[in-house]
PDB file of N, CA and C in Angstrom:
ATOM      1  N   MET A   1      52.242  85.982  25.638  1.00  0.00           N
ATOM      2  CA  MET A   1      52.165  85.597  27.242  1.00  0.00           C
ATOM      3  C   MET A   1      53.385  84.836  27.274  1.00  0.00           C
ATOM      4  N   ILE A   2      53.899  85.254  28.854  1.00  0.00           N
ATOM      5  CA  ILE A   2      55.091  84.342  29.488  1.00  0.00           C
ATOM      6  C   ILE A   2      54.650  82.987  29.972  1.00  0.00           C
ATOM      7  N   LYS A   3      55.411  81.836  29.203  1.00  0.00           N
ATOM      8  CA  LYS A   3      55.295  80.408  29.622  1.00  0.00           C
ATOM      9  C   LYS A   3      56.027  80.918  31.146  1.00  0.00           C
ATOM     10  N   ARG A   4      55.295  79.723  32.255  1.00  0.00           N
ATOM     11  CA  ARG A   4      55.892  79.774  33.854  1.00  0.00           C
ATOM     12  C   ARG A   4      56.699  78.594  33.515  1.00  0.00           C
ATOM     13  N   ASP A   5      57.814  78.645  34.320  1.00  0.00           N
ATOM     14  CA  ASP A   5      58.950  77.662  34.417  1.00  0.00           C
ATOM     15  C   ASP A   5      58.634  77.041  35.933  1.00  0.00           C
ATOM     16  N   LYS A   6      57.959  75.877  35.400  1.00  0.00           N
ATOM     17  CA  LYS A   6      57.864  75.308  37.015  1.00  0.00           C
ATOM     18  C   LYS A   6      58.825  74.676  37.849  1.00  0.00           C
ATOM     19  N   LYS A   7      59.665  74.045  36.796  1.00  0.00           N
ATOM     20  CA  LYS A   7      60.612  73.481  37.885  1.00  0.00           C
ATOM     21  C   LYS A   7      61.212  74.650  38.606  1.00  0.00           C
ATOM     22  N   ARG A   8      61.394  75.402  38.191  1.00  0.00           N
ATOM     23  CA  ARG A   8      62.171  76.608  38.963  1.00  0.00           C
ATOM     24  C   ARG A   8      61.134  77.441  40.300  1.00  0.00           C
ATOM     25  N   GLU A   9      59.866  77.183  40.107  1.00  0.00           N
ATOM     26  CA  GLU A   9      58.836  77.823  40.922  1.00  0.00           C
ATOM     27  C   GLU A   9      58.822  76.543  42.036  1.00  0.00           C
ATOM     28  N   SER A  10      58.997  75.270  41.536  1.00  0.00           N
ATOM     29  CA  SER A  10      59.027  74.441  42.687  1.00  0.00           C
ATOM     30  C   SER A  10      60.392  74.264  43.397  1.00  0.00           C
ATOM     31  N   ARG A  11      61.447  74.631  42.835  1.00  0.00           N
ATOM     32  CA  ARG A  11      62.869  74.535  43.498  1.00  0.00           C
ATOM     33  C   ARG A  11      62.825  75.926  44.440  1.00  0.00           C
ATOM     34  N   ILE A  12      62.304  77.250  44.193  1.00  0.00           N
ATOM     35  CA  ILE A  12      62.006  78.164  44.978  1.00  0.00           C
ATOM     36  C   ILE A  12      61.080  78.136  46.458  1.00  0.00           C
ATOM     37  N   ALA A  13      60.012  77.414  45.701  1.00  0.00           N
ATOM     38  CA  ALA A  13      59.087  77.049  46.428  1.00  0.00           C
ATOM     39  C   ALA A  13      59.726  76.304  47.872  1.00  0.00           C
ATOM     40  N   LYS A  14      60.320  75.110  47.501  1.00  0.00           N
ATOM     41  CA  LYS A  14      60.847  73.906  48.324  1.00  0.00           C
ATOM     42  C   LYS A  14      61.956  74.547  49.355  1.00  0.00           C
ATOM     43  N   GLU A  15      62.882  75.783  48.911  1.00  0.00           N
ATOM     44  CA  GLU A  15      63.637  76.631  49.412  1.00  0.00           C
ATOM     45  C   GLU A  15      63.100  77.289  50.789  1.00  0.00           C
ATOM     46  N   ARG A  16      61.952  78.101  50.430  1.00  0.00           N
ATOM     47  CA  ARG A  16      61.196  78.713  51.005  1.00  0.00           C
ATOM     48  C   ARG A  16      60.638  78.401  52.197  1.00  0.00           C
ATOM     49  N   VAL A  17      59.892  77.045  51.834  1.00  0.00           N
ATOM     50  CA  VAL A  17      59.604  75.693  52.777  1.00  0.00           C
ATOM     51  C   VAL A  17      60.832  75.664  54.016  1.00  0.00           C
ATOM     52  N   VAL A  18      61.599  74.979  53.710  1.00  0.00           N
ATOM     53  CA  VAL A  18      62.631  74.657  54.258  1.00  0.00           C
ATOM     54  C   VAL A  18      63.281  75.813  55.121  1.00  0.00           C
ATOM     55  N   TYR A  19      63.476  77.215  54.770  1.00  0.00           N
ATOM     56  CA  TYR A  19      63.875  78.412  55.447  1.00  0.00           C
ATOM     57  C   TYR A  19      62.769  78.918  56.382  1.00  0.00           C
ATOM     58  N   LEU A  20      61.276  78.640  55.873  1.00  0.00           N
ATOM     59  CA  LEU A  20      60.489  79.012  57.371  1.00  0.00           C
ATOM     60  C   LEU A  20      60.519  78.087  58.324  1.00  0.00           C
ATOM     61  N   VAL A  21      60.194  77.043  57.788  1.00  0.00           N
ATOM     62  CA  VAL A  21      60.582  75.870  59.100  1.00  0.00           C
ATOM     63  C   VAL A  21      61.741  75.988  59.883  1.00  0.00           C
ATOM     64  N   LYS A  22      62.778  76.470  59.603  1.00  0.00           N
ATOM     65  CA  LYS A  22      63.923  76.653  60.154  1.00  0.00           C
ATOM     66  C   LYS A  22      63.810  77.787  60.892  1.00  0.00           C
ATOM     67  N   ARG A  23      63.342  78.887  60.563  1.00  0.00           N
ATOM     68  CA  ARG A  23      62.832  79.935  61.188  1.00  0.00           C
ATOM     69  C   ARG A  23      61.896  79.807  62.091  1.00  0.00           C
ATOM     70  N   ALA A  24      61.090  79.372  61.856  1.00  0.00           N
ATOM     71  CA  ALA A  24      60.072  78.758  63.179  1.00  0.00           C
ATOM     72  C   ALA A  24      60.688  78.170  64.334  1.00  0.00           C
ATOM     73  N   GLU A  25      61.657  77.053  64.195  1.00  0.00           N
ATOM     74  CA  GLU A  25      62.301  76.411  65.047  1.00  0.00           C
ATOM     75  C   GLU A  25      63.346  77.293  65.864  1.00  0.00           C
ATOM     76  N   GLU A  26      64.002  78.611  65.056  1.00  0.00           N
ATOM     77  CA  GLU A  26      64.588  79.479  66.038  1.00  0.00           C
ATOM     78  C   GLU A  26      63.599  80.119  67.033  1.00  0.00           C
ATOM     79  N   TRP A  27      62.511  80.667  66.327  1.00  0.00           N
ATOM     80  CA  TRP A  27      61.634  81.420  67.151  1.00  0.00           C
ATOM     81  C   TRP A  27      60.688  81.183  67.813  1.00  0.00           C
ATOM     82  N   LYS A  28      60.518  79.569  68.022  1.00  0.00           N
ATOM     83  CA  LYS A  28      59.853  79.201  68.994  1.00  0.00           C
ATOM     84  C   LYS A  28      59.862  79.330  70.341  1.00  0.00           C
ATOM     85  N   ASN A  29      61.189  79.918  70.937  1.00  0.00           N
ATOM     86  CA  ASN A  29      61.268  80.209  72.435  1.00  0.00           C
ATOM     87  C   ASN A  29      60.977  81.297  72.380  1.00  0.00           C
ATOM     88  N   LYS A  30      61.263  82.304  71.493  1.00  0.00           N
ATOM     89  CA  LYS A  30      61.120  83.800  71.816  1.00  0.00           C
ATOM     90  C   LYS A  30      59.552  84.193  71.486  1.00  0.00           C
ATOM     91  N   ASP A  31      58.902  84.065  70.381  1.00  0.00           N
ATOM     92  CA  ASP A  31      57.429  84.113  70.408  1.00  0.00           C
ATOM     93  C   ASP A  31      56.816  83.314  69.393  1.00  0.00           C
ATOM     94  N   TYR A  32      55.706  82.501  70.291  1.00  0.00           N
ATOM     95  CA  TYR A  32      55.640  81.085  69.622  1.00  0.00           C
ATOM     96  C   TYR A  32      54.766  81.418  68.788  1.00  0.00           C
ATOM     97  N   GLU A  33      53.603  82.565  69.078  1.00  0.00           N
ATOM     98  CA  GLU A  33      52.748  82.654  67.495  1.00  0.00           C
ATOM     99  C   GLU A  33      53.540  82.882  66.310  1.00  0.00           C
ATOM    100  N   LEU A  34      54.376  83.720  66.344  1.00  0.00           N
ATOM    101  CA  LEU A  34      55.145  83.917  64.885  1.00  0.00           C
ATOM    102  C   LEU A  34      55.795  82.594  64.520  1.00  0.00           C
ATOM    103  N   ALA A  35      56.288  81.662  65.225  1.00  0.00           N
ATOM    104  CA  ALA A  35      56.482  80.845  65.108  1.00  0.00           C
ATOM    105  C   ALA A  35      55.518  79.816  64.268  1.00  0.00           C
ATOM    106  N   ARG A  36      54.550  79.671  64.797  1.00  0.00           N
ATOM    107  CA  ARG A  36      53.306  79.136  64.269  1.00  0.00           C
ATOM    108  C   ARG A  36      52.892  79.621  62.869  1.00  0.00           C
ATOM    109  N   ARG A  37      53.168  80.764  62.685  1.00  0.00           N
ATOM    110  CA  ARG A  37      52.823  81.630  61.605  1.00  0.00           C
ATOM    111  C   ARG A  37      53.928  81.065  60.671  1.00  0.00           C
ATOM    112  N   TYR A  38      55.063  81.022  60.928  1.00  0.00           N
ATOM    113  CA  TYR A  38      55.976  80.657  59.764  1.00  0.00           C
ATOM    114  C   TYR A  38      55.538  79.060  59.540  1.00  0.00           C
ATOM    115  N   VAL A  39      55.074  78.152  60.203  1.00  0.00           N
ATOM    116  CA  VAL A  39      54.927  76.628  60.027  1.00  0.00           C
ATOM    117  C   VAL A  39      53.749  76.931  58.929  1.00  0.00           C
ATOM    118  N   GLU A  40      52.789  77.843  59.406  1.00  0.00           N
ATOM    119  CA  GLU A  40      51.613  78.127  58.513  1.00  0.00           C
ATOM    120  C   GLU A  40      51.540  78.321  56.914  1.00  0.00           C
ATOM    121  N   LEU A  41      52.598  79.316  56.910  1.00  0.00           N
ATOM    122  CA  LEU A  41      52.955  79.818  55.576  1.00  0.00           C
ATOM    123  C   LEU A  41      53.644  78.868  54.753  1.00  0.00           C
ATOM    124  N   ALA A  42      54.645  78.198  55.586  1.00  0.00           N
ATOM    125  CA  ALA A  42      55.466  76.901  54.728  1.00  0.00           C
ATOM    126  C   ALA A  42      54.408  75.794  54.427  1.00  0.00           C
ATOM    127  N   LYS A  43      53.609  75.756  55.057  1.00  0.00           N
ATOM    128  CA  LYS A  43      52.566  74.496  54.622  1.00  0.00           C
ATOM    129  C   LYS A  43      51.888  74.797  53.526  1.00  0.00           C
ATOM    130  N   ARG A  44      51.537  76.356  53.675  1.00  0.00           N
ATOM    131  CA  ARG A  44      50.640  76.910  52.608  1.00  0.00           C
ATOM    132  C   ARG A  44      51.015  76.789  51.215  1.00  0.00           C
ATOM    133  N   ILE A  45      52.631  77.372  51.172  1.00  0.00           N
ATOM    134  CA  ILE A  45      53.078  76.923  49.951  1.00  0.00           C
ATOM    135  C   ILE A  45      53.803  75.860  49.555  1.00  0.00           C
ATOM    136  N   ALA A  46      53.945  74.874  50.386  1.00  0.00           N
ATOM    137  CA  ALA A  46      53.830  73.497  50.149  1.00  0.00           C
ATOM    138  C   ALA A  46      52.876  72.725  49.373  1.00  0.00           C
ATOM    139  N   MET A  47      51.415  73.452  49.739  1.00  0.00           N
ATOM    140  CA  MET A  47      50.549  72.448  49.046  1.00  0.00           C
ATOM    141  C   MET A  47      50.358  73.614  47.708  1.00  0.00           C
ATOM    142  N   ARG A  48      50.501  74.694  47.670  1.00  0.00           N
ATOM    143  CA  ARG A  48      50.093  75.696  46.487  1.00  0.00           C
ATOM    144  C   ARG A  48      51.199  75.070  45.183  1.00  0.00           C
ATOM    145  N   TYR A  49      52.370  75.149  45.636  1.00  0.00           N
ATOM    146  CA  TYR A  49      53.361  74.624  44.362  1.00  0.00           C
ATOM    147  C   TYR A  49      53.455  73.136  44.395  1.00  0.00           C
ATOM    148  N   ARG A  50      53.017  72.181  44.947  1.00  0.00           N
ATOM    149  CA  ARG A  50      52.886  70.712  45.325  1.00  0.00           C
ATOM    150  C   ARG A  50      54.434  70.394  45.575  1.00  0.00           C
ATOM    151  N   VAL A  51      55.123  70.946  46.826  1.00  0.00           N
ATOM    152  CA  VAL A  51      56.357  70.358  47.180  1.00  0.00           C
ATOM    153  C   VAL A  51      56.243  69.769  48.507  1.00  0.00           C
ATOM    154  N   ARG A  52      56.952  68.889  48.603  1.00  0.00           N
ATOM    155  CA  ARG A  52      56.952  68.072  49.725  1.00  0.00           C
ATOM    156  C   ARG A  52      57.465  68.681  51.047  1.00  0.00           C
ATOM    157  N   ILE A  53      57.440  68.480  52.372  1.00  0.00           N
ATOM    158  CA  ILE A  53      58.455  69.011  53.228  1.00  0.00           C
ATOM    159  C   ILE A  53      59.099  67.912  53.794  1.00  0.00           C
ATOM    160  N   PRO A  54      60.414  67.865  53.792  1.00  0.00           N
ATOM    161  CA  PRO A  54      61.387  66.961  54.060  1.00  0.00           C
ATOM    162  C   PRO A  54      60.783  66.360  55.539  1.00  0.00           C
ATOM    163  N   ARG A  55      60.905  65.054  55.470  1.00  0.00           N
ATOM    164  CA  ARG A  55      60.356  64.267  56.605  1.00  0.00           C
ATOM    165  C   ARG A  55      61.088  64.609  58.039  1.00  0.00           C
ATOM    166  N   GLU A  56      62.407  64.966  57.881  1.00  0.00           N
ATOM    167  CA  GLU A  56      62.876  65.695  59.560  1.00  0.00           C
ATOM    168  C   GLU A  56      62.518  66.928  59.777  1.00  0.00           C
ATOM    169  N   LEU A  57      61.961  67.900  58.738  1.00  0.00           N
ATOM    170  CA  LEU A  57      61.248  69.082  59.124  1.00  0.00           C
ATOM    171  C   LEU A  57      59.707  69.161  59.460  1.00  0.00           C
ATOM    172  N   LYS A  58      59.186  67.636  59.123  1.00  0.00           N
ATOM    173  CA  LYS A  58      57.657  67.484  59.243  1.00  0.00           C
ATOM    174  C   LYS A  58      57.690  67.298  60.947  1.00  0.00           C
ATOM    175  N   THR A  59      58.792  66.262  61.385  1.00  0.00           N
ATOM    176  CA  THR A  59      58.417  66.129  63.212  1.00  0.00           C
ATOM    177  C   THR A  59      58.906  67.466  64.052  1.00  0.00           C
ATOM    178  N   ILE A  60      58.868  68.412  63.435  1.00  0.00           N
ATOM    179  CA  ILE A  60      59.468  69.584  64.052  1.00  0.00           C
ATOM    180  C   ILE A  60      58.444  70.378  64.821  1.00  0.00           C
ATOM    181  N   TYR A  61      56.818  70.131  64.001  1.00  0.00           N
ATOM    182  CA  TYR A  61      55.724  70.805  64.388  1.00  0.00           C
ATOM    183  C   TYR A  61      54.520  69.623  64.543  1.00  0.00           C
ATOM    184  N   CYS A  62      53.213  69.984  65.264  1.00  0.00           N
ATOM    185  CA  CYS A  62      52.326  69.533  65.272  1.00  0.00           C
ATOM    186  C   CYS A  62      51.624  69.648  63.754  1.00  0.00           C
ATOM    187  N   LYS A  63      51.036  68.437  63.170  1.00  0.00           N
ATOM    188  CA  LYS A  63      50.571  68.207  62.082  1.00  0.00           C
ATOM    189  C   LYS A  63      49.184  69.065  62.196  1.00  0.00           C
ATOM    190  N   LYS A  64      48.420  69.147  63.244  1.00  0.00           N
ATOM    191  CA  LYS A  64      47.219  69.332  63.295  1.00  0.00           C
ATOM    192  C   LYS A  64      47.135  70.878  63.894  1.00  0.00           C
ATOM    193  N   CYS A  65      47.743  71.362  64.677  1.00  0.00           N
ATOM    194  CA  CYS A  65      47.753  72.715  65.203  1.00  0.00           C
ATOM    195  C   CYS A  65      48.835  73.994  64.907  1.00  0.00           C
ATOM    196  N   LEU A  66      49.632  73.045  64.195  1.00  0.00           N
ATOM    197  CA  LEU A  66      50.881  73.892  63.324  1.00  0.00           C
ATOM    198  C   LEU A  66      51.734  74.378  64.445  1.00  0.00           C
ATOM    199  N   TYR A  67      51.884  74.247  65.667  1.00  0.00           N
ATOM    200  CA  TYR A  67      52.714  74.722  66.686  1.00  0.00           C
ATOM    201  C   TYR A  67      53.872  73.779  66.354  1.00  0.00           C
ATOM    202  N   PRO A  68      55.047  74.690  66.786  1.00  0.00           N
ATOM    203  CA  PRO A  68      56.512  73.922  66.960  1.00  0.00           C
ATOM    204  C   PRO A  68      56.300  73.308  68.057  1.00  0.00           C
ATOM    205  N   TYR A  69      57.071  71.918  68.212  1.00  0.00           N
ATOM    206  CA  TYR A  69      57.195  71.233  69.748  1.00  0.00           C
ATOM    207  C   TYR A  69      58.181  72.426  70.027  1.00  0.00           C
ATOM    208  N   LYS A  70      57.800  72.340  71.475  1.00  0.00           N
ATOM    209  CA  LYS A  70      58.451  73.401  72.406  1.00  0.00           C
ATOM    210  C   LYS A  70      58.623  72.593  73.521  1.00  0.00           C
ATOM    211  N   GLU A  71      59.964  72.440  74.962  1.00  0.00           N
ATOM    212  CA  GLU A  71      59.881  72.075  75.370  1.00  0.00           C
ATOM    213  C   GLU A  71      59.040  72.155  76.630  1.00  0.00           C
ATOM    214  N   GLY A  72      58.257  70.946  77.085  1.00  0.00           N
ATOM    215  CA  GLY A  72      57.006  70.803  77.697  1.00  0.00           C
ATOM    216  C   GLY A  72      55.712  71.052  77.100  1.00  0.00           C
ATOM    217  N   LYS A  73      55.655  71.206  75.787  1.00  0.00           N
ATOM    218  CA  LYS A  73      54.647  71.287  75.028  1.00  0.00           C
ATOM    219  C   LYS A  73      54.102  69.828  74.141  1.00  0.00           C
ATOM    220  N   PHE A  74      54.790  68.670  74.644  1.00  0.00           N
ATOM    221  CA  PHE A  74      54.827  67.781  73.946  1.00  0.00           C
ATOM    222  C   PHE A  74      55.614  66.468  74.835  1.00  0.00           C
ATOM    223  N   ARG A  75      54.750  65.202  74.333  1.00  0.00           N
ATOM    224  CA  ARG A  75      55.465  63.912  75.268  1.00  0.00           C
ATOM    225  C   ARG A  75      55.638  62.908  73.982  1.00  0.00           C
ATOM    226  N   VAL A  76      56.784  62.390  74.226  1.00  0.00           N
ATOM    227  CA  VAL A  76      57.325  61.201  73.181  1.00  0.00           C
ATOM    228  C   VAL A  76      57.184  59.887  73.918  1.00  0.00           C
ATOM    229  N   ARG A  77      56.723  58.913  73.297  1.00  0.00           N
ATOM    230  CA  ARG A  77      56.801  57.557  73.824  1.00  0.00           C
ATOM    231  C   ARG A  77      57.316  56.727  72.628  1.00  0.00           C
ATOM    232  N   VAL A  78      57.770  55.498  73.574  1.00  0.00           N
ATOM    233  CA  VAL A  78      58.342  54.619  72.274  1.00  0.00           C
ATOM    234  C   VAL A  78      57.484  53.108  72.815  1.00  0.00           C
ATOM    235  N   ARG A  79      56.536  52.845  71.495  1.00  0.00           N
ATOM    236  CA  ARG A  79      55.884  51.548  72.076  1.00  0.00           C
ATOM    237  C   ARG A  79      55.723  50.825  70.811  1.00  0.00           C
ATOM    238  N   LYS A  80      55.774  49.470  70.518  1.00  0.00           N
ATOM    239  CA  LYS A  80      55.469  48.574  69.391  1.00  0.00           C
ATOM    240  C   LYS A  80      56.142  48.973  68.371  1.00  0.00           C
ATOM    241  N   ARG A  81      57.390  49.403  68.013  1.00  0.00           N
ATOM    242  CA  ARG A  81      58.132  49.582  66.726  1.00  0.00           C
ATOM    243  C   ARG A  81      57.484  51.234  66.385  1.00  0.00           C
ATOM    244  N   ARG A  82      57.103  51.759  66.958  1.00  0.00           N
ATOM    245  CA  ARG A  82      56.628  53.118  66.496  1.00  0.00           C
ATOM    246  C   ARG A  82      57.264  54.023  67.786  1.00  0.00           C
ATOM    247  N   VAL A  83      57.273  55.548  67.362  1.00  0.00           N
ATOM    248  CA  VAL A  83      57.304  56.704  68.102  1.00  0.00           C
ATOM    249  C   VAL A  83      56.159  57.531  68.015  1.00  0.00           C
ATOM    250  N   ILE A  84      55.537  57.925  69.280  1.00  0.00           N
ATOM    251  CA  ILE A  84      54.522  58.415  69.351  1.00  0.00           C
ATOM    252  C   ILE A  84      54.867  59.878  70.066  1.00  0.00           C
ATOM    253  N   ILE A  85      54.320  60.777  69.239  1.00  0.00           N
ATOM    254  CA  ILE A  85      54.605  62.141  69.838  1.00  0.00           C
ATOM    255  C   ILE A  85      53.500  62.762  70.174  1.00  0.00           C
ATOM    256  N   THR A  86      53.057  63.485  71.303  1.00  0.00           N
ATOM    257  CA  THR A  86      51.686  63.675  71.522  1.00  0.00           C
ATOM    258  C   THR A  86      51.804  65.393  72.091  1.00  0.00           C
ATOM    259  N   CYS A  87      50.931  66.167  71.079  1.00  0.00           N
ATOM    260  CA  CYS A  87      50.872  67.618  71.493  1.00  0.00           C
ATOM    261  C   CYS A  87      50.095  68.100  72.150  1.00  0.00           C
ATOM    262  N   LEU A  88      50.878  68.847  73.305  1.00  0.00           N
ATOM    263  CA  LEU A  88      49.825  69.042  74.534  1.00  0.00           C
ATOM    264  C   LEU A  88      49.052  70.462  74.397  1.00  0.00           C
ATOM    265  N   ASN A  89      49.104  70.698  73.194  1.00  0.00           N
ATOM    266  CA  ASN A  89      48.416  72.283  72.930  1.00  0.00           C
ATOM    267  C   ASN A  89      47.190  71.857  72.370  1.00  0.00           C
ATOM    268  N   CYS A  90      46.976  70.554  71.426  1.00  0.00           N
ATOM    269  CA  CYS A  90      45.713  70.109  70.781  1.00  0.00           C
ATOM    270  C   CYS A  90      45.406  68.519  71.534  1.00  0.00           C
ATOM    271  N   GLY A  91      46.400  67.759  71.836  1.00  0.00           N
ATOM    272  CA  GLY A  91      45.906  66.500  72.197  1.00  0.00           C
ATOM    273  C   GLY A  91      46.063  65.305  70.575  1.00  0.00           C
ATOM    274  N   PHE A  92      46.561  66.050  69.575  1.00  0.00           N
ATOM    275  CA  PHE A  92      47.280  65.333  68.435  1.00  0.00           C
ATOM    276  C   PHE A  92      48.245  64.545  68.853  1.00  0.00           C
ATOM    277  N   GLU A  93      48.151  63.075  68.005  1.00  0.00           N
ATOM    278  CA  GLU A  93      49.081  61.994  68.630  1.00  0.00           C
ATOM    279  C   GLU A  93      49.587  61.923  67.180  1.00  0.00           C
ATOM    280  N   ARG A  94      51.129  61.903  66.937  1.00  0.00           N
ATOM    281  CA  ARG A  94      51.487  61.702  65.706  1.00  0.00           C
ATOM    282  C   ARG A  94      52.184  60.101  65.983  1.00  0.00           C
ATOM    283  N   ARG A  95      52.263  59.226  64.862  1.00  0.00           N
ATOM    284  CA  ARG A  95      52.770  58.030  65.223  1.00  0.00           C
ATOM    285  C   ARG A  95      54.051  57.974  63.952  1.00  0.00           C
ATOM    286  N   ILE A  96      54.962  57.616  64.322  1.00  0.00           N
ATOM    287  CA  ILE A  96      56.102  57.327  63.495  1.00  0.00           C
ATOM    288  C   ILE A  96      56.802  56.073  63.361  1.00  0.00           C
ATOM    289  N   PRO A  97      56.592  55.268  62.392  1.00  0.00           N
ATOM    290  CA  PRO A  97      57.090  53.970  62.627  1.00  0.00           C
ATOM    291  C   PRO A  97      58.623  53.831  62.744  1.00  0.00           C
ATOM    292  N   ILE A  98      59.353  52.792  63.322  1.00  0.00           N
ATOM    293  CA  ILE A  98      60.479  52.817  63.261  1.00  0.00           C
ATOM    294  C   ILE A  98      60.857  51.602  62.323  1.00  0.00           C
ATOM    295  N   ARG A  99      61.988  52.171  61.749  1.00  0.00           N
ATOM    296  CA  ARG A  99      62.338  51.325  60.404  1.00  0.00           C
ATOM    297  C   ARG A  99      63.297  50.153  60.640  1.00  0.00           C
ATOM    298  N   GLN A 100      63.217  49.288  60.286  1.00  0.00           N
ATOM    299  CA  GLN A 100      64.322  48.502  60.924  1.00  0.00           C
ATOM    300  C   GLN A 100      65.422  48.621  59.515  1.00  0.00           C
ATOM    301  N   THR A 101      66.723  48.177  60.108  1.00  0.00           N
ATOM    302  CA  THR A 101      67.888  48.181  59.155  1.00  0.00           C
ATOM    303  C   THR A 101      67.797  47.296  58.693  1.00  0.00           C
ATOM    304  N   VAL A 102      68.782  47.073  57.438  1.00  0.00           N
ATOM    305  CA  VAL A 102      68.826  45.854  56.555  1.00  0.00           C
ATOM    306  C   VAL A 102      69.099  44.698  57.404  1.00  0.00           C
ATOM    307  N   ARG A 103      70.417  45.075  58.387  1.00  0.00           N
ATOM    308  CA  ARG A 103      71.125  43.980  59.185  1.00  0.00           C
ATOM    309  C   ARG A 103      70.067  43.380  59.771  1.00  0.00           C
ATOM    310  N   GLU A 104      69.189  43.903  60.655  1.00  0.00           N
ATOM    311  CA  GLU A 104      68.266  43.588  61.418  1.00  0.00           C
ATOM    312  C   GLU A 104      67.046  42.562  60.646  1.00  0.00           C
ATOM    313  N   ALA A 105      66.829  43.199  59.543  1.00  0.00           N
ATOM    314  CA  ALA A 105      65.417  42.241  58.914  1.00  0.00           C
ATOM    315  C   ALA A 105      65.970  41.103  58.210  1.00  0.00           C
ATOM    316  N   THR A 106      67.469  40.819  57.804  1.00  0.00           N
ATOM    317  CA  THR A 106      68.280  39.773  57.529  1.00  0.00           C
ATOM    318  C   THR A 106      68.395  39.032  58.390  1.00  0.00           C
ATOM    319  N   LYS A 107      68.938  39.422  59.589  1.00  0.00           N
ATOM    320  CA  LYS A 107      68.837  38.650  60.792  1.00  0.00           C
ATOM    321  C   LYS A 107      67.303  37.917  61.276  1.00  0.00           C
ATOM    322  N   ASN A 108      66.316  38.957  60.988  1.00  0.00           N
ATOM    323  CA  ASN A 108      65.109  37.986  61.742  1.00  0.00           C
ATOM    324  C   ASN A 108      64.616  36.938  60.291  1.00  0.00           C
ATOM    325  N   THR A 109      64.809  37.211  59.359  1.00  0.00           N
ATOM    326  CA  THR A 109      64.513  36.253  58.277  1.00  0.00           C
ATOM    327  C   THR A 109      65.325  34.939  58.466  1.00  0.00           C
ATOM    328  N   LYS A 110      66.401  35.280  58.937  1.00  0.00           N
ATOM    329  CA  LYS A 110      67.414  34.089  59.043  1.00  0.00           C
ATOM    330  C   LYS A 110      66.893  33.226  60.123  1.00  0.00           C
ATOM    331  N   SER A 111      66.206  33.966  61.279  1.00  0.00           N
ATOM    332  CA  SER A 111      66.255  33.152  62.494  1.00  0.00           C
ATOM    333  C   SER A 111      64.690  32.505  62.445  1.00  0.00           C
ATOM    334  N   ILE A 112      64.231  32.902  61.293  1.00  0.00           N
ATOM    335  CA  ILE A 112      62.717  32.351  61.123  1.00  0.00           C
ATOM    336  C   ILE A 112      62.835  31.594  60.392  1.00  0.00           C
ATOM    337  N   THR A 113      63.728  31.387  59.194  1.00  0.00           N
ATOM    338  CA  THR A 113      63.700  30.203  58.307  1.00  0.00           C
ATOM    339  C   THR A 113      64.409  28.849  59.162  1.00  0.00           C
ATOM    340  N   SER A 114      65.650  29.238  59.949  1.00  0.00           N
ATOM    341  CA  SER A 114      66.249  28.348  60.450  1.00  0.00           C
ATOM    342  C   SER A 114      65.220  27.358  61.512  1.00  0.00           C
TER     343      SER A 114
END
C-alpha cells in the first residue's frame, strides 16, 4: 500500500482553492451560478483537506449563500471599529473588525497613562 503525502496534498488543495475563488471572481459578472459553484467547490476542498482559505479571498463571497459579492448585491457599512458587509441575496451580515496599527495602539496607551 502506498503512503499518502499529506503535505503535498494540502499544498495542491490550497492552490486549487485559490484558483477556484479567483475564477469565481472573474466569472461573477458573466455567469453568476457558475461563480457560486466555483466558491462551493473551493470551500468543499478546503474543508476536506483542512486548508484555510486566505483572508483576502474570504471577503469576496458571502459565507452563508456562497455567492460572490457583485455590484448591487451587497452593502458595506463602517461602524464602531468594524466593517459590516450585508449580502442582499440572503441578508447575512459579515462583521470584519478593523485592526489598529501599532502606532495607533501605542498612542492610545500613552494618552491613557498620561
